Protein backbone atom coordinates (compact mmCIF):
# COMPACT_ATOMS: atom_id res chain seq x y z
CA MET A 1 0.00 0.00 0.00
CA ASP A 2 1.50 3.33 -0.98
CA VAL A 3 1.09 6.74 0.59
CA ARG A 4 -1.63 7.83 -1.84
CA GLU A 5 -3.81 4.85 -0.96
CA ILE A 6 -3.34 5.47 2.77
CA LEU A 7 -4.26 9.14 2.43
CA ALA A 8 -7.30 8.27 0.30
CA GLN A 9 -8.52 5.91 3.04
CA ALA A 10 -7.82 8.54 5.69
CA THR A 11 -10.00 11.13 3.94
CA GLU A 12 -12.89 8.67 3.65
CA ALA A 13 -12.62 7.34 7.21
CA PRO A 14 -14.26 10.19 9.22
CA HIS A 15 -17.53 9.71 7.37
CA VAL A 16 -20.91 10.79 8.73
CA ARG A 17 -21.68 7.14 9.62
CA ARG A 18 -18.87 7.28 12.17
CA VAL A 19 -20.28 10.44 13.72
CA PHE A 20 -23.97 9.54 13.75
CA GLY A 21 -24.91 5.93 14.37
CA GLU A 22 -27.90 4.16 12.95
CA PRO A 23 -31.16 5.52 14.41
CA ILE A 24 -32.92 3.25 16.90
CA GLU A 25 -36.72 3.38 17.04
CA ARG A 26 -38.81 1.95 19.88
CA ASP A 27 -42.36 2.80 20.93
CA GLY A 28 -42.51 5.97 18.83
CA VAL A 29 -39.20 7.31 20.15
CA VAL A 30 -36.22 7.63 17.81
CA VAL A 31 -32.70 7.75 19.29
CA VAL A 32 -29.80 8.90 17.08
CA PRO A 33 -26.39 8.31 18.67
CA ALA A 34 -23.63 10.85 17.98
CA ALA A 35 -19.87 10.76 18.52
CA THR A 36 -16.88 13.04 18.36
CA VAL A 37 -14.41 11.74 15.77
CA ARG A 38 -10.84 12.96 15.41
CA GLY A 39 -8.28 11.71 12.96
CA GLY A 40 -4.90 12.32 11.52
CA ALA A 41 -2.76 11.03 8.71
CA GLY A 42 0.81 11.21 7.57
CA GLY A 43 3.03 9.79 4.93
CA GLY A 44 6.45 9.73 3.47
CA SER A 45 8.21 8.63 0.35
CA GLY A 46 11.52 7.18 -0.62
CA SER A 47 13.86 6.91 -3.52
CA GLU A 48 13.07 4.35 -6.21
CA LYS A 49 16.76 4.15 -7.08
CA ASP A 50 17.94 3.11 -3.61
CA ALA A 51 16.03 0.23 -2.00
CA ARG A 52 17.42 1.13 1.43
CA GLN A 53 15.49 4.39 1.43
CA GLY A 54 11.86 3.61 2.04
CA GLY A 55 8.70 5.40 2.85
CA GLY A 56 5.50 4.75 4.65
CA GLY A 57 2.46 6.28 6.13
CA GLY A 58 -0.51 5.71 8.31
CA PHE A 59 -3.56 7.22 9.86
CA GLY A 60 -5.61 6.86 13.00
CA LEU A 61 -9.04 7.71 14.28
CA VAL A 62 -10.36 8.25 17.79
CA ALA A 63 -14.10 8.23 18.39
CA ARG A 64 -15.86 9.03 21.66
CA PRO A 65 -19.57 9.04 22.36
CA ALA A 66 -20.91 12.59 22.51
CA GLY A 67 -24.54 11.86 23.28
CA VAL A 68 -27.83 11.12 21.57
CA TYR A 69 -30.64 12.99 19.92
CA VAL A 70 -34.00 11.80 21.24
CA ILE A 71 -36.87 12.47 18.85
CA LYS A 72 -40.35 12.02 20.29
CA GLY A 73 -43.57 13.45 18.94
CA GLY A 74 -41.82 15.80 16.52
CA ASP A 75 -39.65 17.28 19.30
CA ALA A 76 -35.88 16.66 19.31
CA GLN A 77 -33.76 16.87 22.46
CA TRP A 78 -30.00 16.56 22.90
CA ARG A 79 -28.80 14.33 25.74
CA PRO A 80 -25.02 14.47 26.27
CA ALA A 81 -23.07 11.34 27.14
CA LEU A 82 -21.41 11.08 30.54
CA ASP A 83 -17.72 10.21 30.39
CA LEU A 84 -17.29 8.47 33.73
CA ASN A 85 -13.52 8.24 33.35
CA ARG A 86 -13.24 12.04 33.11
CA VAL A 87 -15.51 12.48 36.13
CA ILE A 88 -13.38 10.10 38.19
CA LEU A 89 -10.13 11.74 37.05
CA GLY A 90 -11.50 15.20 37.85
CA GLY A 91 -12.50 14.03 41.33
CA GLN A 92 -9.05 12.57 41.95
CA ILE A 93 -7.30 15.78 40.83
CA PHE A 94 -9.61 17.85 43.03
CA GLY A 95 -8.90 15.55 45.99
CA VAL A 96 -5.12 15.79 45.59
CA VAL A 97 -5.24 19.60 45.30
CA ALA A 98 -7.52 19.82 48.36
CA LEU A 99 -5.13 17.66 50.39
CA LEU A 100 -2.12 19.77 49.36
CA VAL A 101 -3.91 22.99 50.32
CA LEU A 102 -5.01 21.48 53.62
CA ARG A 103 -1.45 20.33 54.36
CA SER A 104 -0.03 23.79 53.67
CA LEU A 105 -2.67 25.41 55.90
CA LEU A 106 -1.95 23.00 58.75
CA ARG A 107 1.82 23.61 58.48
CA ARG A 108 1.31 27.36 58.88
CA ARG A 109 -0.38 26.84 62.26
């Protein structure tokens, strides 16, 4: 696979199907899942005359759930997804900072 093929795949990869999932319909309620998709690509080339000089390339995608659109009775509502890992990390950082502040206050006394 050469660099042009890799870059062609990379431009097609962040398609709307990766951002919005297939709608799910139950009991008159339609749920459309949505995600945040980020990607990047890179490539290189080499000399055709010297086999020791090569090239390559690649690309990657990261997708995270963003939330869902809930459509009921002609009314659409956005419901964001909860990233529990971020909530836990934020709580841990807050706890460490609170302990450091408490320690410095107790040392002053």
